[in-house]
Amino acid sequence: MVTTGQLNSALSACGYGPVDTSVANVIVNQINNMTGSINEAAMFLAQLIHESGGFQHRREINGPALSYAPYYGRGYIQLTHDYNYRAASMALFGDERLINNPDMVSDSVEMSMRVSVWFWEARVRPEGGPSSNNFGLTTKAINGGLEPPGSDLARRRFSLYVQVANALGVSNINVPSGG
């Protein structure tokens, strides 16, 4: 469904440089194994690009200084808070290894993607964004009230989605009213 060439075209459209082949292969394989449509792939990819600065960061900048450390943002979706680390760890491993070693989330591209896919499937999809073609609901599921509709950050995320969707050939982009 999504190729490494399309991934790098999407990154370029969003103002980022390409990722190397080994990283691109992991990202594309994970996206293709979990998404049900090209539009959902575009939504997921846009969120990953925003959260990771174009796949350049797998941990939150200034994370150790934040009030919720050591469970600050890691992975490409920037998993935060102990309850998310615990739920991801139980779902992926059946134990609390991510609670005991939160750096494990950002130690590799593979793990950063696995946790991001888990978050999307467990926390984003149930909110209905992908199934209702509503990108705003995916942002709300990821960042809640921190980026309300119409805010600069929400508009930036949506702009990234439009760029990614165009790069992937999505034809049913749902433009929200009011930006």
Protein backbone atom coordinates (compact mmCIF):
# COMPACT_ATOMS: atom_id res chain seq x y z
CA MET A 1 0.00 0.00 0.00
CA VAL A 2 2.65 2.61 1.06
CA THR A 3 6.13 2.40 -0.50
CA THR A 4 9.42 3.77 0.79
CA GLY A 5 9.40 6.16 -2.16
CA GLN A 6 5.99 7.48 -1.11
CA LEU A 7 7.19 7.82 2.48
CA ASN A 8 10.13 9.95 1.40
CA SER A 9 7.91 11.95 -0.99
CA ALA A 10 5.56 12.64 1.92
CA LEU A 11 8.47 13.72 4.11
CA SER A 12 9.72 16.03 1.36
CA ALA A 13 6.23 17.51 0.88
CA CYS A 14 6.19 18.26 4.62
CA GLY A 15 9.58 19.97 4.50
CA TYR A 16 11.70 17.12 5.89
CA GLY A 17 14.57 15.16 4.42
CA PRO A 18 14.34 11.49 3.50
CA VAL A 19 14.99 8.69 5.95
CA ASP A 20 17.52 5.99 5.09
CA THR A 21 16.35 2.76 3.53
CA SER A 22 16.52 0.61 6.67
CA VAL A 23 14.44 3.11 8.67
CA ALA A 24 12.00 3.58 5.77
CA ASN A 25 11.50 -0.18 5.45
CA VAL A 26 10.57 -0.56 9.13
CA ILE A 27 8.15 2.38 8.98
CA VAL A 28 6.50 1.27 5.75
CA ASN A 29 6.18 -2.38 6.84
CA GLN A 30 4.54 -1.37 10.13
CA ILE A 31 2.16 1.04 8.38
CA ASN A 32 1.18 -1.52 5.77
CA ASN A 33 0.59 -4.22 8.40
CA MET A 34 -1.76 -2.12 10.52
CA THR A 35 -3.72 0.30 8.37
CA GLY A 36 -6.97 -0.54 6.66
CA SER A 37 -6.92 2.17 4.00
CA ILE A 38 -4.59 4.57 2.28
CA ASN A 39 -6.36 7.44 4.04
CA GLU A 40 -5.75 5.89 7.46
CA ALA A 41 -2.12 5.39 6.43
CA ALA A 42 -1.93 9.10 5.56
CA MET A 43 -3.47 10.09 8.90
CA PHE A 44 -1.10 7.84 10.85
CA LEU A 45 1.94 8.93 8.88
CA ALA A 46 1.09 12.64 9.28
CA GLN A 47 0.81 12.19 13.04
CA LEU A 48 4.11 10.31 13.17
CA ILE A 49 5.83 13.03 11.12
CA HIS A 50 4.48 15.76 13.40
CA GLU A 51 5.28 14.00 16.66
CA SER A 52 8.80 12.96 15.63
CA GLY A 53 9.92 15.99 13.62
CA GLY A 54 10.04 13.99 10.42
CA PHE A 55 11.36 10.81 12.10
CA GLN A 56 14.32 12.70 13.57
CA HIS A 57 13.30 12.31 17.23
CA ARG A 58 12.28 9.25 19.17
CA ARG A 59 12.24 11.02 22.53
CA GLU A 60 10.67 14.23 23.71
CA ILE A 61 13.01 17.20 23.77
CA ASN A 62 13.65 18.20 27.42
CA GLY A 63 11.79 15.05 28.48
CA PRO A 64 13.82 14.29 31.62
CA ALA A 65 12.99 17.75 32.99
CA LEU A 66 9.22 17.36 32.58
CA SER A 67 6.89 16.75 35.49
CA TYR A 68 5.81 13.36 34.16
CA ALA A 69 9.38 12.04 33.79
CA PRO A 70 10.53 9.30 33.53
CA TYR A 71 7.44 8.57 31.42
CA TYR A 72 7.93 11.43 29.00
CA GLY A 73 7.32 11.16 25.25
CA ARG A 74 9.15 8.38 23.46
CA GLY A 75 8.54 6.62 20.18
CA TYR A 76 7.28 8.22 17.02
CA ILE A 77 3.90 9.06 18.54
CA GLN A 78 5.63 10.21 21.74
CA LEU A 79 4.06 7.84 24.27
CA THR A 80 3.68 9.65 27.61
CA HIS A 81 2.56 8.90 31.18
CA ASP A 82 2.97 5.74 33.20
CA TYR A 83 -0.51 4.42 32.40
CA ASN A 84 0.27 4.42 28.65
CA TYR A 85 3.69 2.81 29.18
CA ARG A 86 2.05 0.14 31.36
CA ALA A 87 -0.78 -0.55 28.88
CA ALA A 88 1.62 -0.72 25.92
CA SER A 89 3.96 -3.02 27.82
CA MET A 90 1.16 -5.37 28.84
CA ALA A 91 -0.25 -5.46 25.29
CA LEU A 92 3.10 -5.97 23.57
CA PHE A 93 4.94 -8.14 26.11
CA GLY A 94 2.50 -9.30 28.79
CA ASP A 95 4.63 -7.69 31.50
CA GLU A 96 5.81 -4.28 32.73
CA ARG A 97 9.18 -4.08 31.00
CA LEU A 98 8.39 -0.64 29.53
CA ILE A 99 7.55 0.66 33.01
CA ASN A 100 10.84 -0.73 34.31
CA ASN A 101 12.81 0.51 31.29
CA PRO A 102 10.96 3.36 29.55
CA ASP A 103 14.00 4.11 27.36
CA MET A 104 13.30 0.83 25.59
CA VAL A 105 10.51 2.63 23.66
CA SER A 106 13.04 4.89 21.95
CA ASP A 107 16.01 2.51 21.73
CA SER A 108 15.23 1.36 18.19
CA VAL A 109 13.19 2.30 15.14
CA GLU A 110 11.40 -1.04 15.41
CA MET A 111 10.31 -0.48 19.02
CA SER A 112 9.36 3.15 18.37
CA MET A 113 7.10 1.96 15.56
CA ARG A 114 5.65 -0.98 17.52
CA VAL A 115 4.63 1.31 20.37
CA SER A 116 3.26 3.90 17.94
CA VAL A 117 1.18 1.26 16.18
CA TRP A 118 -0.08 0.01 19.55
CA PHE A 119 -1.07 3.55 20.54
CA TRP A 120 -2.87 4.11 17.25
CA GLU A 121 -4.79 0.86 17.49
CA ALA A 122 -5.59 1.11 21.21
CA ARG A 123 -6.10 4.85 21.72
CA VAL A 124 -6.70 6.53 18.35
CA ARG A 125 -8.87 4.13 16.33
CA PRO A 126 -11.46 3.71 19.08
CA GLU A 127 -12.10 7.48 18.94
CA GLY A 128 -13.36 7.07 15.37
CA GLY A 129 -11.08 9.38 13.40
CA PRO A 130 -9.85 6.90 10.79
CA SER A 131 -13.22 5.19 10.30
CA SER A 132 -15.10 8.50 9.93
CA ASN A 133 -12.43 10.20 7.78
CA ASN A 134 -11.93 12.80 10.52
CA PHE A 135 -8.30 13.74 11.02
CA GLY A 136 -9.21 16.11 13.87
CA LEU A 137 -10.38 13.16 15.96
CA THR A 138 -6.98 11.52 15.54
CA THR A 139 -5.29 14.65 16.87
CA LYS A 140 -7.74 14.82 19.77
CA ALA A 141 -7.02 11.18 20.65
CA ILE A 142 -3.27 11.86 20.65
CA ASN A 143 -3.12 15.25 22.38
CA GLY A 144 -6.59 15.86 23.78
CA GLY A 145 -7.23 19.41 24.84
CA LEU A 146 -3.64 20.53 24.25
CA GLU A 147 -4.42 21.20 20.58
CA PRO A 148 -8.08 22.23 20.25
CA PRO A 149 -9.60 22.51 16.76
CA GLY A 150 -8.52 25.70 15.04
CA SER A 151 -5.37 26.15 17.14
CA ASP A 152 -2.09 26.78 15.36
CA LEU A 153 -0.76 23.34 16.26
CA ALA A 154 -3.95 21.58 15.13
CA ARG A 155 -3.82 23.47 11.83
CA ARG A 156 -0.17 22.50 11.42
CA ARG A 157 -0.98 18.84 11.97
CA PHE A 158 -3.84 19.06 9.47
CA SER A 159 -1.57 20.74 6.93
CA LEU A 160 0.89 17.86 7.30
CA TYR A 161 -1.96 15.41 6.77
CA VAL A 162 -3.00 17.15 3.55
CA GLN A 163 0.60 17.05 2.28
CA VAL A 164 0.97 13.37 3.18
CA ALA A 165 -2.44 12.49 1.75
CA ASN A 166 -1.57 14.19 -1.52
CA ALA A 167 1.79 12.37 -1.67
CA LEU A 168 0.01 9.05 -1.12
CA GLY A 169 -2.74 9.78 -3.64
CA VAL A 170 -5.62 10.03 -1.17
CA SER A 171 -8.67 11.38 -2.96
CA ASN A 172 -11.12 11.76 -0.07
CA ILE A 173 -9.46 14.34 2.18
CA ASN A 174 -12.05 15.68 4.60
CA VAL A 175 -11.43 19.40 5.11
CA PRO A 176 -12.93 20.46 8.46
CA SER A 177 -15.06 23.56 8.71
CA GLY A 178 -13.28 26.44 10.40
CA GLY A 179 -9.78 25.16 9.55
